[in-house]
Amino acid sequence: MSDLSLGAFRLDHTNDLSQQEVSELQSLLAAATDNDGVRPLSEHVWLHLVRGGDDHAEHLLVRNGDQSIVGYAHLDRTDMVDGPSAEIVVHPEFRQRGIGHAVLRELVEVSHGTLRLWAHGENSAANGLAQSMGLKRHRVLWQMRRSLYSSIPDPVFPDGIRLESFAVGHDEQAMLDVNSRAFTDLPDQGTWTMDDLQRRRSEDWFDPGGLLMAWLDEPSHPSNGARELAGFHWTKIHGSTDLHDSVDDARSSKRRPDSGQHGHRAIGEVYVLAVAPPWRGSGLGRALTLAGLHHLRRRGLDQVMLYVDASNLPAIRLYEGLGFVRWDTDIMYRTPRS
């Protein structure tokens, strides 16, 4: 159903996307990523788009006169406390025509003035759009990077910890339990379900050997005999690891990973670093990070990245102490509260 007309363009709302629409959106994302150097949608949004499972999402599609999709917004209504969150992308060839402003106005209206909007990259188009519409900064996410050519200390694990690779079909529930306990303040991360984990396991980049699990040698409760997970480090590789075929020019060196067909030199990521609350301050997080860096370097990579909330000062100090520096910033904006 068409909800709003914008000259030669039409804005529609839908809760279901066809395979054709998903394919068109993939092309739209690739064009925006190539133009901007950053991907306009977060990973979890894109995974839900291509693999389903996002029952509470609403999709806003802007179509041109020939019915092609030239603009898109994803609206997530699951957070009943902070309100809906959204992400917007407009095809580079159709910018400066009022599409972004029209979509954002519609999002604010259907969210009853409580919208949160992600802008990926400090220089992204969504960043300027949010500021022009009077939205205020609410949350800041840093991207940090480190060379894998420089020295990496050997990890020193606390006594009683044994490091193993992830065992598919066996370790899932223990991992999800630690993930939930480690990220109670970050709902997007801490509320992962088995389906969320399975979607990521189905991606081409998934490698159980790069998911490092820190197990206790002896269970804390010997009566049940169950092994106990103290933490894990899930590493990730973006792009081809065939370094002879990869591209490393001035433009691609600033490009964010996972951009379309990975038009950049392969890069590793500290994807998820989770430490169970009883092990905080024990040195386990540092040891897991270092073990992951060694793993990525053994895979032939020369650079690693990570994302961290700018308010998470202990984590930032840990990463800076290991040689990471700030590279780029994602910003969540919010409509002003009355």
C-alpha atoms as a PDB file:
ATOM      1  CA  MET A   1       0.000   0.000   0.000  1.00  0.00           C
ATOM      2  CA  SER A   2       1.280   3.454  -0.887  1.00  0.00           C
ATOM      3  CA  ASP A   3       1.412   5.751   2.126  1.00  0.00           C
ATOM      4  CA  LEU A   4       3.105   8.845   0.811  1.00  0.00           C
ATOM      5  CA  SER A   5       3.789  10.420  -2.565  1.00  0.00           C
ATOM      6  CA  LEU A   6       6.962  12.389  -3.256  1.00  0.00           C
ATOM      7  CA  GLY A   7       6.859  13.773  -6.757  1.00  0.00           C
ATOM      8  CA  ALA A   8       8.061  11.023  -9.086  1.00  0.00           C
ATOM      9  CA  PHE A   9       8.736   8.736  -6.130  1.00  0.00           C
ATOM     10  CA  ARG A  10       6.462   6.621  -3.961  1.00  0.00           C
ATOM     11  CA  LEU A  11       6.959   5.533  -0.362  1.00  0.00           C
ATOM     12  CA  ASP A  12       5.431   2.208   0.684  1.00  0.00           C
ATOM     13  CA  HIS A  13       5.288   0.358   4.021  1.00  0.00           C
ATOM     14  CA  THR A  14       5.531  -3.427   4.234  1.00  0.00           C
ATOM     15  CA  ASN A  15       6.268  -6.103   6.830  1.00  0.00           C
ATOM     16  CA  ASP A  16       7.358  -8.697   4.273  1.00  0.00           C
ATOM     17  CA  LEU A  17       9.935  -8.465   1.528  1.00  0.00           C
ATOM     18  CA  SER A  18       9.940 -10.598  -1.599  1.00  0.00           C
ATOM     19  CA  GLN A  19      13.114 -12.248  -2.865  1.00  0.00           C
ATOM     20  CA  GLN A  20      13.124  -9.742  -5.723  1.00  0.00           C
ATOM     21  CA  GLU A  21      12.995  -6.843  -3.254  1.00  0.00           C
ATOM     22  CA  VAL A  22      15.825  -8.336  -1.191  1.00  0.00           C
ATOM     23  CA  SER A  23      17.904  -8.658  -4.360  1.00  0.00           C
ATOM     24  CA  GLU A  24      17.201  -5.023  -5.259  1.00  0.00           C
ATOM     25  CA  LEU A  25      18.139  -3.934  -1.747  1.00  0.00           C
ATOM     26  CA  GLN A  26      21.431  -5.788  -2.009  1.00  0.00           C
ATOM     27  CA  SER A  27      22.261  -3.810  -5.156  1.00  0.00           C
ATOM     28  CA  LEU A  28      21.196  -0.590  -3.443  1.00  0.00           C
ATOM     29  CA  LEU A  29      23.466  -1.325  -0.465  1.00  0.00           C
ATOM     30  CA  ALA A  30      26.401  -2.105  -2.735  1.00  0.00           C
ATOM     31  CA  ALA A  31      25.993   1.197  -4.597  1.00  0.00           C
ATOM     32  CA  ALA A  32      25.758   3.191  -1.357  1.00  0.00           C
ATOM     33  CA  THR A  33      28.733   1.382   0.170  1.00  0.00           C
ATOM     34  CA  ASP A  34      30.916   1.950  -2.888  1.00  0.00           C
ATOM     35  CA  ASN A  35      30.005   5.648  -2.874  1.00  0.00           C
ATOM     36  CA  ASP A  36      30.280   6.322   0.866  1.00  0.00           C
ATOM     37  CA  GLY A  37      32.970   3.899   1.999  1.00  0.00           C
ATOM     38  CA  VAL A  38      30.738   2.554   4.778  1.00  0.00           C
ATOM     39  CA  ARG A  39      27.859   0.107   4.768  1.00  0.00           C
ATOM     40  CA  PRO A  40      24.593   1.887   5.621  1.00  0.00           C
ATOM     41  CA  LEU A  41      22.952  -1.046   7.442  1.00  0.00           C
ATOM     42  CA  SER A  42      24.241  -2.908  10.473  1.00  0.00           C
ATOM     43  CA  GLU A  43      25.050  -6.584  10.267  1.00  0.00           C
ATOM     44  CA  HIS A  44      22.073  -7.864  12.261  1.00  0.00           C
ATOM     45  CA  VAL A  45      19.630  -5.905  10.061  1.00  0.00           C
ATOM     46  CA  TRP A  46      21.145  -7.290   6.883  1.00  0.00           C
ATOM     47  CA  LEU A  47      21.144 -10.864   8.250  1.00  0.00           C
ATOM     48  CA  HIS A  48      17.454 -10.583   9.024  1.00  0.00           C
ATOM     49  CA  LEU A  49      16.762  -9.180   5.565  1.00  0.00           C
ATOM     50  CA  VAL A  50      18.413 -12.051   3.705  1.00  0.00           C
ATOM     51  CA  ARG A  51      17.605 -14.892   6.118  1.00  0.00           C
ATOM     52  CA  GLY A  52      14.305 -13.804   7.683  1.00  0.00           C
ATOM     53  CA  GLY A  53      13.253 -14.076  11.303  1.00  0.00           C
ATOM     54  CA  ASP A  54      12.645 -10.376  11.920  1.00  0.00           C
ATOM     55  CA  ASP A  55       8.917 -10.549  12.627  1.00  0.00           C
ATOM     56  CA  HIS A  56       8.686  -7.119  14.287  1.00  0.00           C
ATOM     57  CA  ALA A  57      10.428  -5.143  11.545  1.00  0.00           C
ATOM     58  CA  GLU A  58       8.791  -2.670   9.230  1.00  0.00           C
ATOM     59  CA  HIS A  59      10.297  -1.841   5.838  1.00  0.00           C
ATOM     60  CA  LEU A  60       9.899   1.500   4.037  1.00  0.00           C
ATOM     61  CA  LEU A  61      10.591   1.305   0.306  1.00  0.00           C
ATOM     62  CA  VAL A  62      10.988   4.322  -1.944  1.00  0.00           C
ATOM     63  CA  ARG A  63      10.360   3.484  -5.594  1.00  0.00           C
ATOM     64  CA  ASN A  64      11.191   5.425  -8.709  1.00  0.00           C
ATOM     65  CA  GLY A  65       8.782   5.831 -11.602  1.00  0.00           C
ATOM     66  CA  ASP A  66      10.025   2.549 -13.108  1.00  0.00           C
ATOM     67  CA  GLN A  67       9.284   0.808  -9.758  1.00  0.00           C
ATOM     68  CA  SER A  68      12.966   0.254  -8.914  1.00  0.00           C
ATOM     69  CA  ILE A  69      13.903   0.696  -5.234  1.00  0.00           C
ATOM     70  CA  VAL A  70      15.991   3.847  -4.763  1.00  0.00           C
ATOM     71  CA  GLY A  71      15.566   4.318  -1.012  1.00  0.00           C
ATOM     72  CA  TYR A  72      15.046   2.088   1.998  1.00  0.00           C
ATOM     73  CA  ALA A  73      14.516   2.306   5.756  1.00  0.00           C
ATOM     74  CA  HIS A  74      14.414  -0.483   8.326  1.00  0.00           C
ATOM     75  CA  LEU A  75      12.309   0.170  11.432  1.00  0.00           C
ATOM     76  CA  ASP A  76      12.748  -2.027  14.525  1.00  0.00           C
ATOM     77  CA  ARG A  77      10.022  -1.673  17.160  1.00  0.00           C
ATOM     78  CA  THR A  78      11.242  -4.335  19.626  1.00  0.00           C
ATOM     79  CA  ASP A  79      12.640  -1.956  22.285  1.00  0.00           C
ATOM     80  CA  MET A  80       9.625  -0.863  24.320  1.00  0.00           C
ATOM     81  CA  VAL A  81      11.741   1.327  26.641  1.00  0.00           C
ATOM     82  CA  ASP A  82      13.960   3.454  24.383  1.00  0.00           C
ATOM     83  CA  GLY A  83      11.605   3.313  21.421  1.00  0.00           C
ATOM     84  CA  PRO A  84      11.939   2.221  17.761  1.00  0.00           C
ATOM     85  CA  SER A  85      15.281   2.359  15.968  1.00  0.00           C
ATOM     86  CA  ALA A  86      15.857   2.826  12.256  1.00  0.00           C
ATOM     87  CA  GLU A  87      18.482   2.845   9.513  1.00  0.00           C
ATOM     88  CA  ILE A  88      18.132   4.657   6.182  1.00  0.00           C
ATOM     89  CA  VAL A  89      19.847   4.388   2.799  1.00  0.00           C
ATOM     90  CA  VAL A  90      19.248   6.321  -0.447  1.00  0.00           C
ATOM     91  CA  HIS A  91      20.855   5.383  -3.747  1.00  0.00           C
ATOM     92  CA  PRO A  92      23.692   7.858  -4.515  1.00  0.00           C
ATOM     93  CA  GLU A  93      22.161   8.764  -7.890  1.00  0.00           C
ATOM     94  CA  PHE A  94      18.893   9.831  -6.233  1.00  0.00           C
ATOM     95  CA  ARG A  95      20.189  11.924  -3.347  1.00  0.00           C
ATOM     96  CA  GLN A  96      19.526  15.629  -2.875  1.00  0.00           C
ATOM     97  CA  ARG A  97      15.920  15.147  -4.010  1.00  0.00           C
ATOM     98  CA  GLY A  98      14.241  15.121  -0.600  1.00  0.00           C
ATOM     99  CA  ILE A  99      13.926  11.347  -0.344  1.00  0.00           C
ATOM    100  CA  GLY A 100      15.902  11.014   2.883  1.00  0.00           C
ATOM    101  CA  HIS A 101      14.003  13.846   4.580  1.00  0.00           C
ATOM    102  CA  ALA A 102      10.657  12.392   3.529  1.00  0.00           C
ATOM    103  CA  VAL A 103      11.563   8.937   4.829  1.00  0.00           C
ATOM    104  CA  LEU A 104      12.844  10.312   8.132  1.00  0.00           C
ATOM    105  CA  ARG A 105       9.708  12.426   8.618  1.00  0.00           C
ATOM    106  CA  GLU A 106       7.608   9.323   8.023  1.00  0.00           C
ATOM    107  CA  LEU A 107       9.688   7.326  10.505  1.00  0.00           C
ATOM    108  CA  VAL A 108       9.306   9.982  13.189  1.00  0.00           C
ATOM    109  CA  GLU A 109       5.566  10.125  12.607  1.00  0.00           C
ATOM    110  CA  VAL A 110       4.959   6.359  12.792  1.00  0.00           C
ATOM    111  CA  SER A 111       7.247   6.186  15.851  1.00  0.00           C
ATOM    112  CA  HIS A 112       5.208   8.870  17.630  1.00  0.00           C
ATOM    113  CA  GLY A 113       8.259  11.081  18.069  1.00  0.00           C
ATOM    114  CA  THR A 114      10.455   8.523  19.879  1.00  0.00           C
ATOM    115  CA  LEU A 115      12.703   7.468  16.996  1.00  0.00           C
ATOM    116  CA  ARG A 116      16.372   6.459  17.250  1.00  0.00           C
ATOM    117  CA  LEU A 117      18.411   6.562  14.030  1.00  0.00           C
ATOM    118  CA  TRP A 118      21.776   4.910  13.347  1.00  0.00           C
ATOM    119  CA  ALA A 119      24.339   6.706  11.171  1.00  0.00           C
ATOM    120  CA  HIS A 120      27.251   4.467  10.181  1.00  0.00           C
ATOM    121  CA  GLY A 121      30.407   6.540   9.781  1.00  0.00           C
ATOM    122  CA  GLU A 122      30.984  10.129  10.878  1.00  0.00           C
ATOM    123  CA  ASN A 123      30.799  11.346   7.282  1.00  0.00           C
ATOM    124  CA  SER A 124      27.830   9.229   6.181  1.00  0.00           C
ATOM    125  CA  ALA A 125      24.788  10.714   4.469  1.00  0.00           C
ATOM    126  CA  ALA A 126      22.568   9.540   7.347  1.00  0.00           C
ATOM    127  CA  ASN A 127      24.700  11.544   9.765  1.00  0.00           C
ATOM    128  CA  GLY A 128      24.017  14.814   7.968  1.00  0.00           C
ATOM    129  CA  LEU A 129      20.352  13.904   7.541  1.00  0.00           C
ATOM    130  CA  ALA A 130      19.870  13.284  11.271  1.00  0.00           C
ATOM    131  CA  GLN A 131      21.500  16.581  12.215  1.00  0.00           C
ATOM    132  CA  SER A 132      19.505  18.529   9.634  1.00  0.00           C
ATOM    133  CA  MET A 133      16.269  17.146  11.098  1.00  0.00           C
ATOM    134  CA  GLY A 134      17.168  18.133  14.668  1.00  0.00           C
ATOM    135  CA  LEU A 135      17.926  14.675  16.078  1.00  0.00           C
ATOM    136  CA  LYS A 136      20.401  14.582  18.969  1.00  0.00           C
ATOM    137  CA  ARG A 137      23.336  12.262  19.629  1.00  0.00           C
ATOM    138  CA  HIS A 138      22.331   9.400  21.905  1.00  0.00           C
ATOM    139  CA  ARG A 139      24.982   6.674  21.584  1.00  0.00           C
ATOM    140  CA  VAL A 140      28.430   6.492  19.978  1.00  0.00           C
ATOM    141  CA  LEU A 141      30.161   3.338  18.750  1.00  0.00           C
ATOM    142  CA  TRP A 142      33.874   3.393  17.923  1.00  0.00           C
ATOM    143  CA  GLN A 143      35.572   1.318  15.264  1.00  0.00           C
ATOM    144  CA  MET A 144      39.170   0.641  16.336  1.00  0.00           C
ATOM    145  CA  ARG A 145      41.983  -0.966  14.353  1.00  0.00           C
ATOM    146  CA  ARG A 146      45.413  -2.473  14.907  1.00  0.00           C
ATOM    147  CA  SER A 147      48.183  -3.809  12.692  1.00  0.00           C
ATOM    148  CA  LEU A 148      48.927  -7.516  13.006  1.00  0.00           C
ATOM    149  CA  TYR A 149      52.478  -6.905  11.783  1.00  0.00           C
ATOM    150  CA  SER A 150      53.460  -5.302  15.091  1.00  0.00           C
ATOM    151  CA  SER A 151      54.350  -7.372  18.137  1.00  0.00           C
ATOM    152  CA  ILE A 152      51.548  -9.341  19.803  1.00  0.00           C
ATOM    153  CA  PRO A 153      52.278 -10.533  23.368  1.00  0.00           C
ATOM    154  CA  ASP A 154      51.584 -14.158  24.211  1.00  0.00           C
ATOM    155  CA  PRO A 155      48.309 -14.657  26.097  1.00  0.00           C
ATOM    156  CA  VAL A 156      48.534 -15.553  29.784  1.00  0.00           C
ATOM    157  CA  PHE A 157      45.349 -17.234  30.972  1.00  0.00           C
ATOM    158  CA  PRO A 158      44.211 -17.425  34.602  1.00  0.00           C
ATOM    159  CA  ASP A 159      44.876 -20.724  36.328  1.00  0.00           C
ATOM    160  CA  GLY A 160      42.295 -23.374  35.603  1.00  0.00           C
ATOM    161  CA  ILE A 161      41.358 -22.124  32.118  1.00  0.00           C
ATOM    162  CA  ARG A 162      41.654 -24.269  29.005  1.00  0.00           C
ATOM    163  CA  LEU A 163      41.235 -22.796  25.511  1.00  0.00           C
ATOM    164  CA  GLU A 164      39.389 -24.815  22.856  1.00  0.00           C
ATOM    165  CA  SER A 165      37.785 -24.152  19.490  1.00  0.00           C
ATOM    166  CA  PHE A 166      34.009 -24.013  19.283  1.00  0.00           C
ATOM    167  CA  ALA A 167      32.346 -27.426  18.960  1.00  0.00           C
ATOM    168  CA  VAL A 168      29.382 -27.140  16.587  1.00  0.00           C
ATOM    169  CA  GLY A 169      26.297 -28.871  17.943  1.00  0.00           C
ATOM    170  CA  HIS A 170      27.634 -28.927  21.497  1.00  0.00           C
ATOM    171  CA  ASP A 171      28.767 -25.496  22.742  1.00  0.00           C
ATOM    172  CA  GLU A 172      25.895 -23.289  21.554  1.00  0.00           C
ATOM    173  CA  GLN A 173      23.894 -23.020  24.778  1.00  0.00           C
ATOM    174  CA  ALA A 174      26.932 -22.385  26.978  1.00  0.00           C
ATOM    175  CA  MET A 175      28.025 -19.640  24.605  1.00  0.00           C
ATOM    176  CA  LEU A 176      24.594 -17.991  24.594  1.00  0.00           C
ATOM    177  CA  ASP A 177      24.440 -18.116  28.403  1.00  0.00           C
ATOM    178  CA  VAL A 178      27.773 -16.306  28.764  1.00  0.00           C
ATOM    179  CA  ASN A 179      26.814 -13.854  26.028  1.00  0.00           C
ATOM    180  CA  SER A 180      23.625 -12.958  27.924  1.00  0.00           C
ATOM    181  CA  ARG A 181      25.435 -12.485  31.237  1.00  0.00           C
ATOM    182  CA  ALA A 182      28.284 -10.496  29.703  1.00  0.00           C
ATOM    183  CA  PHE A 183      26.106  -7.989  27.811  1.00  0.00           C
ATOM    184  CA  THR A 184      23.230  -7.185  30.146  1.00  0.00           C
ATOM    185  CA  ASP A 185      23.660  -3.467  29.348  1.00  0.00           C
ATOM    186  CA  LEU A 186      23.638  -3.998  25.560  1.00  0.00           C
ATOM    187  CA  PRO A 187      20.260  -5.490  24.553  1.00  0.00           C
ATOM    188  CA  ASP A 188      21.188  -5.774  20.867  1.00  0.00           C
ATOM    189  CA  GLN A 189      23.960  -8.188  21.832  1.00  0.00           C
ATOM    190  CA  GLY A 190      22.824  -9.713  25.107  1.00  0.00           C
ATOM    191  CA  THR A 191      19.456 -10.954  23.854  1.00  0.00           C
ATOM    192  CA  TRP A 192      20.828 -13.258  21.153  1.00  0.00           C
ATOM    193  CA  THR A 193      18.815 -16.447  20.761  1.00  0.00           C
ATOM    194  CA  MET A 194      19.687 -19.804  19.223  1.00  0.00           C
ATOM    195  CA  ASP A 195      18.179 -18.549  15.956  1.00  0.00           C
ATOM    196  CA  ASP A 196      20.421 -15.459  16.041  1.00  0.00           C
ATOM    197  CA  LEU A 197      23.446 -17.685  16.537  1.00  0.00           C
ATOM    198  CA  GLN A 198      22.358 -20.027  13.748  1.00  0.00           C
ATOM    199  CA  ARG A 199      22.003 -17.131  11.284  1.00  0.00           C
ATOM    200  CA  ARG A 200      25.613 -16.172  11.907  1.00  0.00           C
ATOM    201  CA  ARG A 201      26.794 -19.766  11.733  1.00  0.00           C
ATOM    202  CA  SER A 202      25.167 -19.981   8.283  1.00  0.00           C
ATOM    203  CA  GLU A 203      27.286 -17.125   6.918  1.00  0.00           C
ATOM    204  CA  ASP A 204      30.218 -17.916   4.623  1.00  0.00           C
ATOM    205  CA  TRP A 205      32.656 -16.266   7.002  1.00  0.00           C
ATOM    206  CA  PHE A 206      31.843 -18.554   9.950  1.00  0.00           C
ATOM    207  CA  ASP A 207      34.818 -20.644  11.095  1.00  0.00           C
ATOM    208  CA  PRO A 208      34.536 -22.690  14.315  1.00  0.00           C
ATOM    209  CA  GLY A 209      38.318 -22.627  14.577  1.00  0.00           C
ATOM    210  CA  GLY A 210      38.146 -18.851  15.004  1.00  0.00           C
ATOM    211  CA  LEU A 211      35.633 -19.033  17.875  1.00  0.00           C
ATOM    212  CA  LEU A 212      37.830 -19.492  20.937  1.00  0.00           C
ATOM    213  CA  MET A 213      36.146 -20.892  24.056  1.00  0.00           C
ATOM    214  CA  ALA A 214      37.683 -20.484  27.538  1.00  0.00           C
ATOM    215  CA  TRP A 215      36.574 -23.470  29.628  1.00  0.00           C
ATOM    216  CA  LEU A 216      37.209 -24.165  33.286  1.00  0.00           C
ATOM    217  CA  ASP A 217      39.261 -27.314  33.839  1.00  0.00           C
ATOM    218  CA  GLU A 218      37.054 -28.194  36.817  1.00  0.00           C
ATOM    219  CA  PRO A 219      33.331 -27.321  37.108  1.00  0.00           C
ATOM    220  CA  SER A 220      32.352 -24.860  39.841  1.00  0.00           C
ATOM    221  CA  HIS A 221      29.541 -27.244  40.809  1.00  0.00           C
ATOM    222  CA  PRO A 222      31.019 -30.774  40.661  1.00  0.00           C
ATOM    223  CA  SER A 223      27.640 -32.288  41.568  1.00  0.00           C
ATOM    224  CA  ASN A 224      26.239 -31.762  38.066  1.00  0.00           C
ATOM    225  CA  GLY A 225      29.516 -32.422  36.264  1.00  0.00           C
ATOM    226  CA  ALA A 226      28.767 -29.829  33.574  1.00  0.00           C
ATOM    227  CA  ARG A 227      31.632 -27.928  32.029  1.00  0.00           C
ATOM    228  CA  GLU A 228      31.606 -24.200  32.723  1.00  0.00           C
ATOM    229  CA  LEU A 229      32.430 -21.538  30.154  1.00  0.00           C
ATOM    230  CA  ALA A 230      34.273 -18.491  31.503  1.00  0.00           C
ATOM    231  CA  GLY A 231      34.337 -16.503  28.266  1.00  0.00           C
ATOM    232  CA  PHE A 232      34.873 -16.616  24.525  1.00  0.00           C
ATOM    233  CA  HIS A 233      36.414 -14.649  21.674  1.00  0.00           C
ATOM    234  CA  TRP A 234      34.651 -14.921  18.339  1.00  0.00           C
ATOM    235  CA  THR A 235      36.937 -13.730  15.541  1.00  0.00           C
ATOM    236  CA  LYS A 236      35.751 -12.933  12.035  1.00  0.00           C
ATOM    237  CA  ILE A 237      37.406 -12.418   8.651  1.00  0.00           C
ATOM    238  CA  HIS A 238      35.999  -9.936   6.131  1.00  0.00           C
ATOM    239  CA  GLY A 239      36.927 -10.397   2.492  1.00  0.00           C
ATOM    240  CA  SER A 240      39.120 -12.892   0.703  1.00  0.00           C
ATOM    241  CA  THR A 241      42.152 -14.317   2.496  1.00  0.00           C
ATOM    242  CA  ASP A 242      43.854 -14.754  -0.883  1.00  0.00           C
ATOM    243  CA  LEU A 243      46.062 -11.727  -0.432  1.00  0.00           C
ATOM    244  CA  HIS A 244      47.420 -11.943  -3.977  1.00  0.00           C
ATOM    245  CA  ASP A 245      43.953 -11.162  -5.337  1.00  0.00           C
ATOM    246  CA  SER A 246      42.927  -8.522  -2.804  1.00  0.00           C
ATOM    247  CA  VAL A 247      42.881  -4.782  -3.399  1.00  0.00           C
ATOM    248  CA  ASP A 248      44.738  -2.333  -1.184  1.00  0.00           C
ATOM    249  CA  ASP A 249      44.513   1.104  -2.739  1.00  0.00           C
ATOM    250  CA  ALA A 250      43.909   4.440  -1.071  1.00  0.00           C
ATOM    251  CA  ARG A 251      40.150   4.254  -1.426  1.00  0.00           C
ATOM    252  CA  SER A 252      39.651   0.654  -0.229  1.00  0.00           C
ATOM    253  CA  SER A 253      41.940   1.114   2.790  1.00  0.00           C
ATOM    254  CA  LYS A 254      39.258   3.283   4.410  1.00  0.00           C
ATOM    255  CA  ARG A 255      36.351   1.110   3.265  1.00  0.00           C
ATOM    256  CA  ARG A 256      34.372  -0.646   5.902  1.00  0.00           C
ATOM    257  CA  PRO A 257      34.475  -4.476   5.791  1.00  0.00           C
ATOM    258  CA  ASP A 258      31.645  -6.509   4.315  1.00  0.00           C
ATOM    259  CA  SER A 259      31.009  -3.980   1.551  1.00  0.00           C
ATOM    260  CA  GLY A 260      29.267  -5.768  -1.279  1.00  0.00           C
ATOM    261  CA  GLN A 261      31.812  -8.074  -2.917  1.00  0.00           C
ATOM    262  CA  HIS A 262      34.555  -7.188  -0.418  1.00  0.00           C
ATOM    263  CA  GLY A 263      36.484  -4.797  -2.636  1.00  0.00           C
ATOM    264  CA  HIS A 264      39.279  -4.509  -0.087  1.00  0.00           C
ATOM    265  CA  ARG A 265      42.195  -6.362   1.411  1.00  0.00           C
ATOM    266  CA  ALA A 266      41.053  -9.021   3.887  1.00  0.00           C
ATOM    267  CA  ILE A 267      40.753  -7.807   7.473  1.00  0.00           C
ATOM    268  CA  GLY A 268      40.121  -9.612  10.751  1.00  0.00           C
ATOM    269  CA  GLU A 269      37.700  -8.570  13.452  1.00  0.00           C
ATOM    270  CA  VAL A 270      37.360  -9.003  17.198  1.00  0.00           C
ATOM    271  CA  TYR A 271      33.720  -9.849  16.521  1.00  0.00           C
ATOM    272  CA  VAL A 272      32.511 -10.739  20.029  1.00  0.00           C
ATOM    273  CA  LEU A 273      34.589 -10.753  23.211  1.00  0.00           C
ATOM    274  CA  ALA A 274      32.541 -11.982  26.170  1.00  0.00           C
ATOM    275  CA  VAL A 275      33.687 -12.616  29.733  1.00  0.00           C
ATOM    276  CA  ALA A 276      31.366 -14.054  32.375  1.00  0.00           C
ATOM    277  CA  PRO A 277      30.908 -11.637  35.330  1.00  0.00           C
ATOM    278  CA  PRO A 278      32.888 -13.727  37.879  1.00  0.00           C
ATOM    279  CA  TRP A 279      35.947 -13.546  35.633  1.00  0.00           C
ATOM    280  CA  ARG A 280      36.002  -9.804  35.065  1.00  0.00           C
ATOM    281  CA  GLY A 281      39.244  -8.269  36.236  1.00  0.00           C
ATOM    282  CA  SER A 282      41.046 -11.632  36.090  1.00  0.00           C
ATOM    283  CA  GLY A 283      42.959 -10.926  32.881  1.00  0.00           C
ATOM    284  CA  LEU A 284      40.807 -13.361  30.920  1.00  0.00           C
ATOM    285  CA  GLY A 285      39.550 -10.687  28.502  1.00  0.00           C
ATOM    286  CA  ARG A 286      43.087  -9.611  27.638  1.00  0.00           C
ATOM    287  CA  ALA A 287      44.237 -13.207  27.192  1.00  0.00           C
ATOM    288  CA  LEU A 288      41.279 -14.072  24.945  1.00  0.00           C
ATOM    289  CA  THR A 289      41.888 -10.957  22.838  1.00  0.00           C
ATOM    290  CA  LEU A 290      45.547 -11.811  22.341  1.00  0.00           C
ATOM    291  CA  ALA A 291      44.749 -15.432  21.494  1.00  0.00           C
ATOM    292  CA  GLY A 292      42.357 -14.190  18.816  1.00  0.00           C
ATOM    293  CA  LEU A 293      44.931 -11.780  17.386  1.00  0.00           C
ATOM    294  CA  HIS A 294      47.452 -14.612  17.097  1.00  0.00           C
ATOM    295  CA  HIS A 295      44.823 -16.745  15.349  1.00  0.00           C
ATOM    296  CA  LEU A 296      44.067 -13.997  12.804  1.00  0.00           C
ATOM    297  CA  ARG A 297      47.751 -13.398  12.116  1.00  0.00           C
ATOM    298  CA  ARG A 298      48.263 -17.134  11.526  1.00  0.00           C
ATOM    299  CA  ARG A 299      45.527 -16.862   8.886  1.00  0.00           C
ATOM    300  CA  GLY A 300      47.774 -14.458   6.963  1.00  0.00           C
ATOM    301  CA  LEU A 301      45.982 -11.217   7.828  1.00  0.00           C
ATOM    302  CA  ASP A 302      47.787  -7.943   8.438  1.00  0.00           C
ATOM    303  CA  GLN A 303      45.086  -5.861  10.141  1.00  0.00           C
ATOM    304  CA  VAL A 304      42.288  -6.325  12.684  1.00  0.00           C
ATOM    305  CA  MET A 305      39.313  -4.169  13.693  1.00  0.00           C
ATOM    306  CA  LEU A 306      36.644  -4.106  16.378  1.00  0.00           C
ATOM    307  CA  TYR A 307      33.622  -2.113  17.542  1.00  0.00           C
ATOM    308  CA  VAL A 308      33.227  -0.829  21.081  1.00  0.00           C
ATOM    309  CA  ASP A 309      30.748   1.494  22.754  1.00  0.00           C
ATOM    310  CA  ALA A 310      32.423   4.848  23.410  1.00  0.00           C
ATOM    311  CA  SER A 311      31.053   4.768  26.973  1.00  0.00           C
ATOM    312  CA  ASN A 312      32.762   1.434  27.723  1.00  0.00           C
ATOM    313  CA  LEU A 313      35.949   2.964  29.087  1.00  0.00           C
ATOM    314  CA  PRO A 314      37.415  -0.248  30.605  1.00  0.00           C
ATOM    315  CA  ALA A 315      37.145  -2.007  27.231  1.00  0.00           C
ATOM    316  CA  ILE A 316      38.639   0.971  25.391  1.00  0.00           C
ATOM    317  CA  ARG A 317      41.563   1.041  27.825  1.00  0.00           C
ATOM    318  CA  LEU A 318      42.076  -2.693  27.258  1.00  0.00           C
ATOM    319  CA  TYR A 319      42.111  -2.310  23.481  1.00  0.00           C
ATOM    320  CA  GLU A 320      44.296   0.803  23.505  1.00  0.00           C
ATOM    321  CA  GLY A 321      46.746  -1.077  25.722  1.00  0.00           C
ATOM    322  CA  LEU A 322      46.903  -3.757  23.032  1.00  0.00           C
ATOM    323  CA  GLY A 323      47.706  -1.256  20.281  1.00  0.00           C
ATOM    324  CA  PHE A 324      44.243  -0.458  18.882  1.00  0.00           C
ATOM    325  CA  VAL A 325      43.462   3.105  17.812  1.00  0.00           C
ATOM    326  CA  ARG A 326      40.173   4.775  16.901  1.00  0.00           C
ATOM    327  CA  TRP A 327      39.404   4.530  13.170  1.00  0.00           C
ATOM    328  CA  ASP A 328      35.773   5.577  12.600  1.00  0.00           C
ATOM    329  CA  THR A 329      32.523   6.206  14.480  1.00  0.00           C
ATOM    330  CA  ASP A 330      28.912   5.043  14.283  1.00  0.00           C
ATOM    331  CA  ILE A 331      26.381   7.358  15.924  1.00  0.00           C
ATOM    332  CA  MET A 332      22.855   6.737  17.143  1.00  0.00           C
ATOM    333  CA  TYR A 333      20.659   9.844  17.049  1.00  0.00           C
ATOM    334  CA  ARG A 334      17.373  10.293  18.883  1.00  0.00           C
ATOM    335  CA  THR A 335      14.434  12.612  18.499  1.00  0.00           C
ATOM    336  CA  PRO A 336      14.475  15.243  21.279  1.00  0.00           C
ATOM    337  CA  ARG A 337      12.412  14.213  24.294  1.00  0.00           C
ATOM    338  CA  SER A 338       9.824  16.661  25.513  1.00  0.00           C
END
